[in-house]
Amino acid sequence: MEQYQTFKISEFIHKVSFEKILLHIIEQLKKHLLDSIASLLYAVNKPTIQKLVRQIDKLGEGGLCTTLF
């Protein structure tokens, strides 16, 4: 069976320990996480995103991924 990207990411997360990640990589990951959260907060009330949320709601539950809305 083909592995989905999210499965590969979760495998990596379960195999790596925080102590083995270099400090400069942790700092960069923090920046990426904060940037992602800021982008989400900025876009959440934009018309295009609202339209996307309505389309996702119409599709219903039971898919292969989870959304934040």
C-alpha atoms as a PDB file:
ATOM      1  CA  MET A   1       0.000   0.000   0.000  1.00  0.00           C
ATOM      2  CA  GLU A   2       1.261   3.475  -0.864  1.00  0.00           C
ATOM      3  CA  GLN A   3       2.213   5.511   2.188  1.00  0.00           C
ATOM      4  CA  TYR A   4       0.683   8.943   2.467  1.00  0.00           C
ATOM      5  CA  GLN A   5       2.929  11.892   3.292  1.00  0.00           C
ATOM      6  CA  THR A   6       1.207  12.399   6.655  1.00  0.00           C
ATOM      7  CA  PHE A   7       1.935   8.774   7.531  1.00  0.00           C
ATOM      8  CA  LYS A   8       5.609   9.272   6.700  1.00  0.00           C
ATOM      9  CA  ILE A   9       5.719  12.412   8.829  1.00  0.00           C
ATOM     10  CA  SER A  10       4.078  10.660  11.774  1.00  0.00           C
ATOM     11  CA  GLU A  11       6.543   7.771  11.455  1.00  0.00           C
ATOM     12  CA  PHE A  12       9.426  10.239  11.609  1.00  0.00           C
ATOM     13  CA  ILE A  13       7.935  11.973  14.660  1.00  0.00           C
ATOM     14  CA  HIS A  14       7.625   8.685  16.522  1.00  0.00           C
ATOM     15  CA  LYS A  15      11.189   7.649  15.711  1.00  0.00           C
ATOM     16  CA  VAL A  16      13.048  10.875  16.507  1.00  0.00           C
ATOM     17  CA  SER A  17      13.710  12.216  19.979  1.00  0.00           C
ATOM     18  CA  PHE A  18      13.756  15.901  20.822  1.00  0.00           C
ATOM     19  CA  GLU A  19      17.267  15.628  22.254  1.00  0.00           C
ATOM     20  CA  LYS A  20      18.638  14.433  18.893  1.00  0.00           C
ATOM     21  CA  ILE A  21      17.454  17.505  16.988  1.00  0.00           C
ATOM     22  CA  LEU A  22      20.056  20.240  16.647  1.00  0.00           C
ATOM     23  CA  LEU A  23      19.275  23.539  18.383  1.00  0.00           C
ATOM     24  CA  HIS A  24      19.340  25.648  15.195  1.00  0.00           C
ATOM     25  CA  ILE A  25      16.825  23.266  13.604  1.00  0.00           C
ATOM     26  CA  ILE A  26      14.524  23.540  16.628  1.00  0.00           C
ATOM     27  CA  GLU A  27      14.693  27.329  16.408  1.00  0.00           C
ATOM     28  CA  GLN A  28      13.828  27.224  12.704  1.00  0.00           C
ATOM     29  CA  LEU A  29      10.933  24.842  13.367  1.00  0.00           C
ATOM     30  CA  LYS A  30       9.567  27.243  15.982  1.00  0.00           C
ATOM     31  CA  LYS A  31       9.608  30.040  13.390  1.00  0.00           C
ATOM     32  CA  HIS A  32       7.810  27.850  10.841  1.00  0.00           C
ATOM     33  CA  LEU A  33       5.183  26.845  13.384  1.00  0.00           C
ATOM     34  CA  LEU A  34       4.533  30.441  14.436  1.00  0.00           C
ATOM     35  CA  ASP A  35       4.368  31.518  10.787  1.00  0.00           C
ATOM     36  CA  SER A  36       1.852  28.763  10.029  1.00  0.00           C
ATOM     37  CA  ILE A  37      -0.338  29.732  12.983  1.00  0.00           C
ATOM     38  CA  ALA A  38      -0.187  33.423  12.019  1.00  0.00           C
ATOM     39  CA  SER A  39      -1.143  32.581   8.420  1.00  0.00           C
ATOM     40  CA  LEU A  40      -4.060  30.476   9.638  1.00  0.00           C
ATOM     41  CA  LEU A  41      -5.315  33.239  11.923  1.00  0.00           C
ATOM     42  CA  TYR A  42      -4.979  35.854   9.190  1.00  0.00           C
ATOM     43  CA  ALA A  43      -6.784  33.801   6.560  1.00  0.00           C
ATOM     44  CA  VAL A  44      -9.546  32.219   8.625  1.00  0.00           C
ATOM     45  CA  ASN A  45     -12.095  34.980   7.947  1.00  0.00           C
ATOM     46  CA  LYS A  46     -11.150  35.696   4.329  1.00  0.00           C
ATOM     47  CA  PRO A  47     -13.888  35.021   1.732  1.00  0.00           C
ATOM     48  CA  THR A  48     -11.875  32.403  -0.172  1.00  0.00           C
ATOM     49  CA  ILE A  49     -11.234  30.395   2.983  1.00  0.00           C
ATOM     50  CA  GLN A  50     -14.869  30.688   4.047  1.00  0.00           C
ATOM     51  CA  LYS A  51     -15.917  29.319   0.658  1.00  0.00           C
ATOM     52  CA  LEU A  52     -13.462  26.436   1.074  1.00  0.00           C
ATOM     53  CA  VAL A  53     -14.841  25.693   4.562  1.00  0.00           C
ATOM     54  CA  ARG A  54     -18.391  25.527   3.159  1.00  0.00           C
ATOM     55  CA  GLN A  55     -17.245  23.123   0.432  1.00  0.00           C
ATOM     56  CA  ILE A  56     -15.464  20.915   2.966  1.00  0.00           C
ATOM     57  CA  ASP A  57     -18.571  20.905   5.182  1.00  0.00           C
ATOM     58  CA  LYS A  58     -20.642  19.707   2.215  1.00  0.00           C
ATOM     59  CA  LEU A  59     -18.236  16.814   1.668  1.00  0.00           C
ATOM     60  CA  GLY A  60     -18.844  15.636   5.225  1.00  0.00           C
ATOM     61  CA  GLU A  61     -16.714  13.507   7.498  1.00  0.00           C
ATOM     62  CA  GLY A  62     -14.977  10.212   6.882  1.00  0.00           C
ATOM     63  CA  GLY A  63     -12.108  11.276   4.631  1.00  0.00           C
ATOM     64  CA  LEU A  64      -8.417  10.552   4.964  1.00  0.00           C
ATOM     65  CA  CYS A  65      -7.532  13.857   6.638  1.00  0.00           C
ATOM     66  CA  THR A  66      -8.665  16.243   9.346  1.00  0.00           C
ATOM     67  CA  THR A  67      -9.194  19.967   8.861  1.00  0.00           C
ATOM     68  CA  LEU A  68      -8.817  22.733  11.428  1.00  0.00           C
ATOM     69  CA  PHE A  69     -12.227  24.239  10.694  1.00  0.00           C
END
